[in-house]
Amino acid sequence: MKEFESKLKSKELDYFFTAILNIKDIEECYRFFEDVSTISELKALCQRFQVAKMLREKKTYIEIGEVTGASTATISRVNRCLNYGSNGYNTILDRLEVEEEKEQ
């Protein structure tokens, strides 16, 4: 399988992502991200991920905006990533759906 090539690729970002992959549980995740990001940055990331989930559920922009508070520009950007991006959202959302199905 060919390695994914990102415009962001760097040794520093590789190191940061390796750190994230070494997080053991949700508690460590909270502690790590509270240290490395602001509350606003975390909320923005969370909002985008919720928007992606809702777009895959075929929710309308209006519904998504009402629930998440996201602007139509943010919703549109996430939608573009879902349809034409690097497949990051879809890969993770697919995995989460499989996990949720196993739990039910």
Foldseek 3Di string as FASTA:
>chain_A
DDDDDDPPDDPVVVVVVVVVVPQDDPVSVVVVDVVPDPPVVVLLVVLLLQLLVVVVVVDDPVVSCVVRVDDVVSSVVSVCCCVPNPCPSVVVVVVVVVVVVVVD
